[in-house]
C-alpha atoms as a PDB file:
ATOM      1  CA  MET A   1     -74.821  23.140 -43.437  1.00  0.00           C
ATOM      2  CA  PRO A   2     -72.700  26.340 -43.225  1.00  0.00           C
ATOM      3  CA  PRO A   3     -69.242  26.199 -41.633  1.00  0.00           C
ATOM      4  CA  VAL A   4     -69.246  26.720 -37.867  1.00  0.00           C
ATOM      5  CA  ASN A   5     -65.880  28.486 -37.873  1.00  0.00           C
ATOM      6  CA  THR A   6     -66.879  31.847 -39.342  1.00  0.00           C
ATOM      7  CA  LEU A   7     -65.891  35.337 -38.249  1.00  0.00           C
ATOM      8  CA  SER A   8     -69.063  35.404 -36.175  1.00  0.00           C
ATOM      9  CA  SER A   9     -67.955  32.302 -34.226  1.00  0.00           C
ATOM     10  CA  PRO A  10     -64.192  32.586 -33.648  1.00  0.00           C
ATOM     11  CA  THR A  11     -64.188  30.266 -30.652  1.00  0.00           C
ATOM     12  CA  ALA A  12     -65.725  27.256 -32.397  1.00  0.00           C
ATOM     13  CA  HIS A  13     -63.245  24.419 -32.132  1.00  0.00           C
ATOM     14  CA  ILE A  14     -62.398  20.749 -32.500  1.00  0.00           C
ATOM     15  CA  GLU A  15     -61.243  18.885 -29.403  1.00  0.00           C
ATOM     16  CA  ILE A  16     -59.447  15.548 -29.666  1.00  0.00           C
ATOM     17  CA  SER A  17     -58.991  13.242 -26.694  1.00  0.00           C
ATOM     18  CA  ILE A  18     -56.196  10.716 -27.171  1.00  0.00           C
ATOM     19  CA  ALA A  19     -57.215   8.887 -23.976  1.00  0.00           C
ATOM     20  CA  ASP A  20     -60.870   8.555 -25.032  1.00  0.00           C
ATOM     21  CA  GLN A  21     -60.174   8.240 -28.798  1.00  0.00           C
ATOM     22  CA  THR A  22     -62.855  10.829 -29.534  1.00  0.00           C
ATOM     23  CA  LEU A  23     -63.151  14.027 -31.546  1.00  0.00           C
ATOM     24  CA  VAL A  24     -65.813  16.584 -30.675  1.00  0.00           C
ATOM     25  CA  LEU A  25     -66.958  19.650 -32.563  1.00  0.00           C
ATOM     26  CA  VAL A  26     -67.994  22.534 -30.300  1.00  0.00           C
ATOM     27  CA  ASP A  27     -69.644  25.783 -31.392  1.00  0.00           C
ATOM     28  CA  ALA A  28     -68.744  29.298 -30.209  1.00  0.00           C
ATOM     29  CA  GLY A  29     -71.218  29.060 -27.330  1.00  0.00           C
ATOM     30  CA  GLY A  30     -69.684  25.837 -26.031  1.00  0.00           C
ATOM     31  CA  GLN A  31     -72.485  23.614 -27.355  1.00  0.00           C
ATOM     32  CA  LEU A  32     -71.468  20.131 -28.476  1.00  0.00           C
ATOM     33  CA  LEU A  33     -72.357  19.805 -32.162  1.00  0.00           C
ATOM     34  CA  ALA A  34     -70.916  16.365 -32.930  1.00  0.00           C
ATOM     35  CA  ARG A  35     -68.920  13.526 -31.377  1.00  0.00           C
ATOM     36  CA  TYR A  36     -66.939  10.957 -33.352  1.00  0.00           C
ATOM     37  CA  ARG A  37     -64.872   7.865 -32.519  1.00  0.00           C
ATOM     38  CA  ILE A  38     -61.350   8.190 -33.917  1.00  0.00           C
ATOM     39  CA  SER A  39     -58.012   6.409 -34.020  1.00  0.00           C
ATOM     40  CA  THR A  40     -54.814   8.223 -33.038  1.00  0.00           C
ATOM     41  CA  ALA A  41     -51.203   7.001 -33.088  1.00  0.00           C
ATOM     42  CA  LEU A  42     -50.236   3.472 -32.149  1.00  0.00           C
ATOM     43  CA  ASN A  43     -47.060   5.032 -30.682  1.00  0.00           C
ATOM     44  CA  GLY A  44     -49.118   7.275 -28.375  1.00  0.00           C
ATOM     45  CA  PRO A  45     -48.817  11.028 -27.905  1.00  0.00           C
ATOM     46  CA  GLY A  46     -45.662  12.939 -28.794  1.00  0.00           C
ATOM     47  CA  GLU A  47     -44.364  15.789 -30.855  1.00  0.00           C
ATOM     48  CA  GLN A  48     -40.934  14.736 -32.152  1.00  0.00           C
ATOM     49  CA  ASN A  49     -40.336  14.415 -35.899  1.00  0.00           C
ATOM     50  CA  ALA A  50     -40.385  10.810 -37.147  1.00  0.00           C
ATOM     51  CA  SER A  51     -41.855   9.590 -33.831  1.00  0.00           C
ATOM     52  CA  GLY A  52     -45.063   8.188 -35.286  1.00  0.00           C
ATOM     53  CA  CYS A  53     -46.879   9.882 -32.392  1.00  0.00           C
ATOM     54  CA  THR A  54     -49.939  12.141 -32.331  1.00  0.00           C
ATOM     55  CA  PRO A  55     -48.905  15.694 -31.380  1.00  0.00           C
ATOM     56  CA  ARG A  56     -50.603  17.384 -28.430  1.00  0.00           C
ATOM     57  CA  GLY A  57     -51.509  20.974 -27.743  1.00  0.00           C
ATOM     58  CA  GLU A  58     -53.172  23.767 -29.638  1.00  0.00           C
ATOM     59  CA  HIS A  59     -53.353  23.529 -33.435  1.00  0.00           C
ATOM     60  CA  PHE A  60     -55.438  24.891 -36.283  1.00  0.00           C
ATOM     61  CA  VAL A  61     -56.600  23.511 -39.616  1.00  0.00           C
ATOM     62  CA  ARG A  62     -54.219  25.066 -42.127  1.00  0.00           C
ATOM     63  CA  ALA A  63     -55.583  23.400 -45.271  1.00  0.00           C
ATOM     64  CA  MET A  64     -58.611  21.347 -46.261  1.00  0.00           C
ATOM     65  CA  ILE A  65     -58.311  18.922 -49.164  1.00  0.00           C
ATOM     66  CA  GLY A  66     -60.848  16.726 -50.927  1.00  0.00           C
ATOM     67  CA  GLY A  67     -64.055  18.742 -50.818  1.00  0.00           C
ATOM     68  CA  GLY A  68     -66.574  17.360 -53.296  1.00  0.00           C
ATOM     69  CA  MET A  69     -64.572  14.189 -53.963  1.00  0.00           C
ATOM     70  CA  PRO A  70     -66.369  10.835 -53.650  1.00  0.00           C
ATOM     71  CA  LEU A  71     -66.089   8.990 -50.357  1.00  0.00           C
ATOM     72  CA  ASN A  72     -63.147   6.558 -50.370  1.00  0.00           C
ATOM     73  CA  THR A  73     -61.105   8.710 -52.773  1.00  0.00           C
ATOM     74  CA  VAL A  74     -57.465   7.681 -52.298  1.00  0.00           C
ATOM     75  CA  PHE A  75     -54.860  10.395 -51.617  1.00  0.00           C
ATOM     76  CA  ILE A  76     -51.084  10.235 -51.829  1.00  0.00           C
ATOM     77  CA  ALA A  77     -49.107  13.345 -50.892  1.00  0.00           C
ATOM     78  CA  ARG A  78     -52.425  15.209 -50.516  1.00  0.00           C
ATOM     79  CA  ARG A  79     -53.396  14.573 -54.144  1.00  0.00           C
ATOM     80  CA  PRO A  80     -56.157  12.270 -55.366  1.00  0.00           C
ATOM     81  CA  THR A  81     -54.677   9.259 -57.156  1.00  0.00           C
ATOM     82  CA  GLY A  82     -57.770   8.609 -59.274  1.00  0.00           C
ATOM     83  CA  GLU A  83     -58.431   5.456 -57.244  1.00  0.00           C
ATOM     84  CA  ILE A  84     -61.444   4.680 -55.096  1.00  0.00           C
ATOM     85  CA  TYR A  85     -60.633   2.441 -52.131  1.00  0.00           C
ATOM     86  CA  THR A  86     -62.023  -1.090 -52.354  1.00  0.00           C
ATOM     87  CA  PRO A  87     -61.196  -4.294 -50.467  1.00  0.00           C
ATOM     88  CA  GLU A  88     -59.646  -5.585 -53.704  1.00  0.00           C
ATOM     89  CA  LEU A  89     -57.336  -2.558 -53.943  1.00  0.00           C
ATOM     90  CA  ALA A  90     -56.374  -3.066 -50.288  1.00  0.00           C
ATOM     91  CA  ALA A  91     -55.626  -6.756 -50.893  1.00  0.00           C
ATOM     92  CA  ALA A  92     -53.343  -5.827 -53.805  1.00  0.00           C
ATOM     93  CA  GLN A  93     -51.425  -3.337 -51.605  1.00  0.00           C
ATOM     94  CA  PRO A  94     -51.173  -4.786 -48.091  1.00  0.00           C
ATOM     95  CA  GLY A  95     -49.606  -2.614 -45.422  1.00  0.00           C
ATOM     96  CA  ARG A  96     -50.427   0.662 -47.189  1.00  0.00           C
ATOM     97  CA  ASP A  97     -51.444   3.518 -44.848  1.00  0.00           C
ATOM     98  CA  TRP A  98     -54.656   4.605 -46.565  1.00  0.00           C
ATOM     99  CA  ILE A  99     -55.579   8.302 -46.557  1.00  0.00           C
ATOM    100  CA  LEU A 100     -59.131   8.533 -47.843  1.00  0.00           C
ATOM    101  CA  SER A 101     -62.045  10.892 -48.567  1.00  0.00           C
ATOM    102  CA  ARG A 102     -60.939  14.186 -46.908  1.00  0.00           C
ATOM    103  CA  ILE A 103     -57.828  15.724 -45.346  1.00  0.00           C
ATOM    104  CA  LEU A 104     -57.740  18.453 -42.691  1.00  0.00           C
ATOM    105  CA  TRP A 105     -54.026  19.330 -42.469  1.00  0.00           C
ATOM    106  CA  LEU A 106     -53.027  20.535 -39.006  1.00  0.00           C
ATOM    107  CA  CYS A 107     -50.526  23.202 -37.995  1.00  0.00           C
ATOM    108  CA  GLY A 108     -49.236  23.688 -34.450  1.00  0.00           C
ATOM    109  CA  ARG A 109     -49.632  26.998 -32.613  1.00  0.00           C
ATOM    110  CA  GLU A 110     -47.137  26.413 -29.784  1.00  0.00           C
ATOM    111  CA  TRP A 111     -43.541  27.276 -30.688  1.00  0.00           C
ATOM    112  CA  GLY A 112     -41.140  24.631 -29.420  1.00  0.00           C
ATOM    113  CA  ARG A 113     -43.944  22.202 -28.581  1.00  0.00           C
ATOM    114  CA  ASN A 114     -45.760  21.489 -31.856  1.00  0.00           C
ATOM    115  CA  ARG A 115     -44.327  24.175 -34.121  1.00  0.00           C
ATOM    116  CA  GLY A 116     -40.735  24.798 -35.119  1.00  0.00           C
ATOM    117  CA  PRO A 117     -37.598  22.694 -35.542  1.00  0.00           C
ATOM    118  CA  GLY A 118     -37.906  19.053 -34.568  1.00  0.00           C
ATOM    119  CA  VAL A 119     -41.558  19.227 -33.510  1.00  0.00           C
ATOM    120  CA  ASP A 120     -43.511  20.831 -36.359  1.00  0.00           C
ATOM    121  CA  THR A 121     -46.973  19.283 -36.790  1.00  0.00           C
ATOM    122  CA  PHE A 122     -47.425  20.812 -40.250  1.00  0.00           C
ATOM    123  CA  ARG A 123     -44.057  19.584 -41.536  1.00  0.00           C
ATOM    124  CA  ARG A 124     -44.801  16.152 -40.027  1.00  0.00           C
ATOM    125  CA  PHE A 125     -47.875  16.015 -42.305  1.00  0.00           C
ATOM    126  CA  ILE A 126     -50.305  15.371 -39.455  1.00  0.00           C
ATOM    127  CA  TYR A 127     -53.892  15.229 -40.710  1.00  0.00           C
ATOM    128  CA  ILE A 128     -57.400  14.410 -39.693  1.00  0.00           C
ATOM    129  CA  HIS A 129     -58.364  12.038 -42.507  1.00  0.00           C
ATOM    130  CA  GLY A 130     -60.566   9.173 -43.579  1.00  0.00           C
ATOM    131  CA  THR A 131     -59.480   5.544 -43.331  1.00  0.00           C
ATOM    132  CA  PRO A 132     -60.937   2.237 -44.545  1.00  0.00           C
ATOM    133  CA  ASP A 133     -64.160   1.364 -42.762  1.00  0.00           C
ATOM    134  CA  THR A 134     -62.581  -1.962 -41.799  1.00  0.00           C
ATOM    135  CA  GLU A 135     -60.093  -0.142 -39.514  1.00  0.00           C
ATOM    136  CA  PRO A 136     -61.197  -0.032 -35.870  1.00  0.00           C
ATOM    137  CA  MET A 137     -62.160   3.253 -34.256  1.00  0.00           C
ATOM    138  CA  GLY A 138     -61.565   3.831 -30.562  1.00  0.00           C
ATOM    139  CA  VAL A 139     -58.228   2.033 -30.844  1.00  0.00           C
ATOM    140  CA  ALA A 140     -54.889   3.822 -31.335  1.00  0.00           C
ATOM    141  CA  ARG A 141     -53.532   2.420 -34.624  1.00  0.00           C
ATOM    142  CA  SER A 142     -52.409   5.319 -36.844  1.00  0.00           C
ATOM    143  CA  HIS A 143     -48.922   6.467 -37.815  1.00  0.00           C
ATOM    144  CA  GLY A 144     -49.485   9.816 -36.059  1.00  0.00           C
ATOM    145  CA  CYS A 145     -52.560  11.229 -37.779  1.00  0.00           C
ATOM    146  CA  ILE A 146     -56.137  11.253 -36.528  1.00  0.00           C
ATOM    147  CA  ARG A 147     -58.148   8.700 -38.477  1.00  0.00           C
ATOM    148  CA  MET A 148     -61.919   8.864 -38.876  1.00  0.00           C
ATOM    149  CA  ARG A 149     -64.649   6.920 -40.637  1.00  0.00           C
ATOM    150  CA  ASN A 150     -65.091   8.262 -44.177  1.00  0.00           C
ATOM    151  CA  GLN A 151     -68.657   9.433 -43.660  1.00  0.00           C
ATOM    152  CA  ASP A 152     -67.652  11.137 -40.401  1.00  0.00           C
ATOM    153  CA  VAL A 153     -64.653  12.991 -41.840  1.00  0.00           C
ATOM    154  CA  ALA A 154     -66.760  14.174 -44.794  1.00  0.00           C
ATOM    155  CA  GLU A 155     -69.430  15.460 -42.392  1.00  0.00           C
ATOM    156  CA  LEU A 156     -66.820  17.221 -40.232  1.00  0.00           C
ATOM    157  CA  PHE A 157     -65.161  18.694 -43.337  1.00  0.00           C
ATOM    158  CA  ASP A 158     -68.466  20.221 -44.446  1.00  0.00           C
ATOM    159  CA  ARG A 159     -69.030  21.825 -41.026  1.00  0.00           C
ATOM    160  CA  VAL A 160     -65.695  23.577 -40.495  1.00  0.00           C
ATOM    161  CA  ALA A 161     -63.392  25.997 -42.317  1.00  0.00           C
ATOM    162  CA  PRO A 162     -59.633  26.542 -42.494  1.00  0.00           C
ATOM    163  CA  GLY A 163     -58.384  28.242 -39.350  1.00  0.00           C
ATOM    164  CA  ILE A 164     -60.616  26.406 -36.884  1.00  0.00           C
ATOM    165  CA  ARG A 165     -58.852  25.683 -33.565  1.00  0.00           C
ATOM    166  CA  VAL A 166     -57.945  22.074 -32.841  1.00  0.00           C
ATOM    167  CA  LEU A 167     -57.032  21.104 -29.281  1.00  0.00           C
ATOM    168  CA  ILE A 168     -55.352  17.711 -28.839  1.00  0.00           C
ATOM    169  CA  HIS A 169     -54.894  16.328 -25.336  1.00  0.00           C
END
């Protein structure tokens, strides 16, 4: 399916509800294209560096990483490790915050709120990314990022392009 965020549809966007733990993809005409259950930060909403919170406000996808990689590809520092997530790998590394399958790296648009010193979403490495399928969705449990099922994040990744607006409230 072609990306929805093309020059012909500049108002297509992603909307994330922290309260509802949902992510929706909306086309330029306002039509709902997809709805996904997600998991945002255990620490709740917030913009401060090192807070472990999910930042609010207007953002955009600055970079997209992992296209064409197998589902459950493991990433560290936005690079594939060569590992594929398995329950056995998880058991050998308990407590690891797994970033899997795809990464949509967010950048804030609001200076002083989610962009700039002390509050910069991009420099906080806030992503929309895949997580093990054993992790619950609809429950705030992340370290600040927006977690999705692997199949869902791969589907979303294939439907959007860098630059798409992301509204988090």
